[in-house]
C-alpha atoms as a PDB file:
ATOM      1  CA  MET A   1       9.444  13.452 -67.069  1.00  0.00           C
ATOM      2  CA  ALA A   2       6.888  13.010 -65.051  1.00  0.00           C
ATOM      3  CA  LYS A   3       4.960   9.948 -63.096  1.00  0.00           C
ATOM      4  CA  VAL A   4       2.336   7.603 -64.872  1.00  0.00           C
ATOM      5  CA  LEU A   5      -0.790   7.608 -62.461  1.00  0.00           C
ATOM      6  CA  THR A   6      -2.235   4.651 -61.582  1.00  0.00           C
ATOM      7  CA  THR A   7      -5.356   3.404 -59.211  1.00  0.00           C
ATOM      8  CA  GLY A   8      -2.829   3.583 -56.490  1.00  0.00           C
ATOM      9  CA  SER A   9      -2.789   7.642 -57.013  1.00  0.00           C
ATOM     10  CA  LEU A  10      -4.489  10.256 -54.695  1.00  0.00           C
ATOM     11  CA  MET A  11      -6.380  12.680 -57.360  1.00  0.00           C
ATOM     12  CA  ILE A  12      -8.258  15.553 -55.492  1.00  0.00           C
ATOM     13  CA  CYS A  13      -9.691  18.653 -56.618  1.00  0.00           C
ATOM     14  CA  GLY A  14      -9.563  22.375 -55.056  1.00  0.00           C
ATOM     15  CA  HIS A  15     -12.341  21.681 -52.544  1.00  0.00           C
ATOM     16  CA  GLY A  16     -10.444  18.581 -51.236  1.00  0.00           C
ATOM     17  CA  GLY A  17     -12.656  16.020 -52.476  1.00  0.00           C
ATOM     18  CA  THR A  18     -10.848  12.934 -53.580  1.00  0.00           C
ATOM     19  CA  ALA A  19     -11.575  10.814 -56.460  1.00  0.00           C
ATOM     20  CA  ASN A  20     -12.435   7.051 -56.545  1.00  0.00           C
ATOM     21  CA  LEU A  21      -9.719   5.485 -59.340  1.00  0.00           C
ATOM     22  CA  ILE A  22     -10.989   3.067 -61.695  1.00  0.00           C
ATOM     23  CA  SER A  23      -9.301   1.933 -64.720  1.00  0.00           C
ATOM     24  CA  THR A  24      -9.958  -0.437 -67.864  1.00  0.00           C
ATOM     25  CA  ALA A  25      -6.370  -0.166 -68.740  1.00  0.00           C
ATOM     26  CA  LYS A  26      -4.819  -3.922 -69.281  1.00  0.00           C
ATOM     27  CA  LEU A  27      -1.661  -2.261 -68.696  1.00  0.00           C
ATOM     28  CA  GLU A  28      -0.238  -2.548 -64.864  1.00  0.00           C
ATOM     29  CA  VAL A  29       2.502  -0.931 -62.747  1.00  0.00           C
ATOM     30  CA  SER A  30       3.494  -2.741 -59.561  1.00  0.00           C
ATOM     31  CA  GLY A  31      -0.142  -4.787 -59.738  1.00  0.00           C
ATOM     32  CA  LYS A  32      -2.263  -1.589 -60.274  1.00  0.00           C
ATOM     33  CA  PRO A  33      -3.969  -0.580 -63.408  1.00  0.00           C
ATOM     34  CA  VAL A  34      -2.754   2.839 -65.089  1.00  0.00           C
ATOM     35  CA  LEU A  35      -5.095   5.904 -65.065  1.00  0.00           C
ATOM     36  CA  ILE A  36      -6.192   6.735 -68.989  1.00  0.00           C
ATOM     37  CA  GLU A  37      -7.945   9.571 -70.287  1.00  0.00           C
ATOM     38  CA  SER A  38     -11.214   7.753 -71.159  1.00  0.00           C
ATOM     39  CA  ASP A  39     -11.925   6.896 -67.745  1.00  0.00           C
ATOM     40  CA  ALA A  40     -11.889  10.190 -66.309  1.00  0.00           C
ATOM     41  CA  SER A  41     -15.583  10.883 -66.254  1.00  0.00           C
ATOM     42  CA  SER A  42     -16.609   7.417 -64.544  1.00  0.00           C
ATOM     43  CA  TRP A  43     -14.387   8.776 -61.299  1.00  0.00           C
ATOM     44  CA  PRO A  44     -16.898   9.682 -58.557  1.00  0.00           C
ATOM     45  CA  LEU A  45     -15.527  12.247 -56.330  1.00  0.00           C
ATOM     46  CA  THR A  46     -16.315  12.162 -52.468  1.00  0.00           C
ATOM     47  CA  LYS A  47     -15.872  14.183 -49.343  1.00  0.00           C
ATOM     48  CA  THR A  48     -16.236  17.180 -51.026  1.00  0.00           C
ATOM     49  CA  PRO A  49     -16.607  20.293 -48.271  1.00  0.00           C
ATOM     50  CA  CYS A  50     -17.481  22.872 -51.083  1.00  0.00           C
ATOM     51  CA  GLY A  51     -16.495  26.059 -49.497  1.00  0.00           C
ATOM     52  CA  GLN A  52     -18.955  27.518 -52.325  1.00  0.00           C
ATOM     53  CA  ALA A  53     -22.090  26.302 -50.824  1.00  0.00           C
ATOM     54  CA  SER A  54     -23.535  28.411 -48.631  1.00  0.00           C
ATOM     55  CA  SER A  55     -23.491  31.107 -51.462  1.00  0.00           C
ATOM     56  CA  GLY A  56     -25.063  28.938 -54.102  1.00  0.00           C
ATOM     57  CA  GLY A  57     -22.260  26.659 -55.177  1.00  0.00           C
ATOM     58  CA  THR A  58     -22.683  23.069 -55.680  1.00  0.00           C
ATOM     59  CA  SER A  59     -20.040  20.119 -54.541  1.00  0.00           C
ATOM     60  CA  CYS A  60     -18.118  18.758 -56.903  1.00  0.00           C
ATOM     61  CA  THR A  61     -18.874  14.682 -57.405  1.00  0.00           C
ATOM     62  CA  THR A  62     -17.594  13.975 -60.984  1.00  0.00           C
ATOM     63  CA  ILE A  63     -14.672  15.030 -62.950  1.00  0.00           C
ATOM     64  CA  ALA A  64     -15.599  17.215 -66.365  1.00  0.00           C
ATOM     65  CA  SER A  65     -12.217  17.080 -68.400  1.00  0.00           C
ATOM     66  CA  ILE A  66      -8.921  16.744 -68.291  1.00  0.00           C
ATOM     67  CA  THR A  67      -6.706  19.944 -69.776  1.00  0.00           C
ATOM     68  CA  ALA A  68      -3.008  18.818 -68.905  1.00  0.00           C
ATOM     69  CA  GLY A  69      -1.246  15.566 -67.818  1.00  0.00           C
ATOM     70  CA  LYS A  70      -1.718  13.334 -70.758  1.00  0.00           C
ATOM     71  CA  SER A  71       0.899  11.628 -72.132  1.00  0.00           C
ATOM     72  CA  SER A  72       2.026  12.193 -75.638  1.00  0.00           C
ATOM     73  CA  LYS A  73       3.621   8.991 -75.888  1.00  0.00           C
ATOM     74  CA  LEU A  74       2.430   6.599 -73.703  1.00  0.00           C
ATOM     75  CA  THR A  75      -1.055   5.193 -74.615  1.00  0.00           C
ATOM     76  CA  VAL A  76      -3.386   2.066 -74.269  1.00  0.00           C
ATOM     77  CA  GLY A  77      -5.329   0.969 -76.484  1.00  0.00           C
ATOM     78  CA  GLY A  78      -4.879   4.147 -78.221  1.00  0.00           C
ATOM     79  CA  VAL A  79      -6.016   6.828 -74.949  1.00  0.00           C
ATOM     80  CA  ALA A  80      -3.582   8.654 -73.404  1.00  0.00           C
ATOM     81  CA  VAL A  81      -1.698   7.615 -70.145  1.00  0.00           C
ATOM     82  CA  LEU A  82      -2.671  10.371 -67.310  1.00  0.00           C
ATOM     83  CA  LEU A  83       0.526  11.775 -65.498  1.00  0.00           C
ATOM     84  CA  ASP A  84       0.906  13.361 -62.185  1.00  0.00           C
ATOM     85  CA  SER A  85       0.581  16.480 -63.862  1.00  0.00           C
ATOM     86  CA  ILE A  86      -2.463  16.187 -64.187  1.00  0.00           C
ATOM     87  CA  SER A  87      -4.784  19.454 -64.234  1.00  0.00           C
ATOM     88  CA  GLY A  88      -8.535  19.462 -64.980  1.00  0.00           C
ATOM     89  CA  THR A  89     -12.305  20.678 -64.118  1.00  0.00           C
ATOM     90  CA  THR A  90     -14.920  19.082 -62.323  1.00  0.00           C
ATOM     91  CA  ASN A  91     -19.021  20.148 -62.198  1.00  0.00           C
ATOM     92  CA  GLY A  92     -18.487  21.597 -59.081  1.00  0.00           C
ATOM     93  CA  ALA A  93     -19.732  25.668 -59.152  1.00  0.00           C
ATOM     94  CA  PRO A  94     -18.455  27.752 -59.652  1.00  0.00           C
ATOM     95  CA  ASP A  95     -16.145  25.971 -61.741  1.00  0.00           C
ATOM     96  CA  ASN A  96     -13.202  23.773 -60.200  1.00  0.00           C
ATOM     97  CA  THR A  97     -10.153  24.023 -62.100  1.00  0.00           C
ATOM     98  CA  ASN A  98      -7.652  22.641 -59.424  1.00  0.00           C
ATOM     99  CA  LEU A  99      -7.872  19.144 -60.341  1.00  0.00           C
ATOM    100  CA  SER A 100      -4.580  17.372 -59.226  1.00  0.00           C
ATOM    101  CA  ALA A 101      -2.760  14.018 -58.380  1.00  0.00           C
ATOM    102  CA  THR A 102       0.112  12.653 -56.266  1.00  0.00           C
ATOM    103  CA  GLU A 103       1.505   9.125 -57.833  1.00  0.00           C
ATOM    104  CA  MET A 104       2.938   7.034 -55.309  1.00  0.00           C
ATOM    105  CA  GLN A 105       4.894   4.462 -58.116  1.00  0.00           C
ATOM    106  CA  ASN A 106       8.440   5.658 -59.177  1.00  0.00           C
ATOM    107  CA  LYS A 107       9.014   2.947 -62.085  1.00  0.00           C
ATOM    108  CA  LEU A 108       6.975   4.168 -64.662  1.00  0.00           C
ATOM    109  CA  GLU A 109       7.394   7.914 -66.544  1.00  0.00           C
ATOM    110  CA  SER A 110       6.386   9.309 -69.518  1.00  0.00           C
ATOM    111  CA  ILE A 111       6.143  12.247 -71.605  1.00  0.00           C
END
C-alpha cells in the first residue's frame, strides 16, 4: 500500500524544482488536505535549476500530467487521490518525466 499525499508532502521534478502544493479536496489527514489529480496542473514548480538551459532547454514551471500514483479505490468527489508512488511529466524541455513525492504522514494509505 502507498501513502496518500497531502499538502504537507514534498514533490520535486527531475531538475530539483519543488511544487507548491494546493488542494481543493475536503478530505484531510492530520489537518492537511489530500492531493487530488485534478489539482495537479495548478501546482507551480519553483527553484528549478534546469541543467538543459544552456543547450536550449527550458525550466519546469508546471506539472503537465500524472502518469502513475493515482489511487484506484480512494477518491474525493469522484477524483483520484494521489499516492507517494506518483510519477508524471512537467512542461520543462527536454521532457522531464522524473516527478516524485515524499509524504510525511503515516495515517492513511490506499491502493
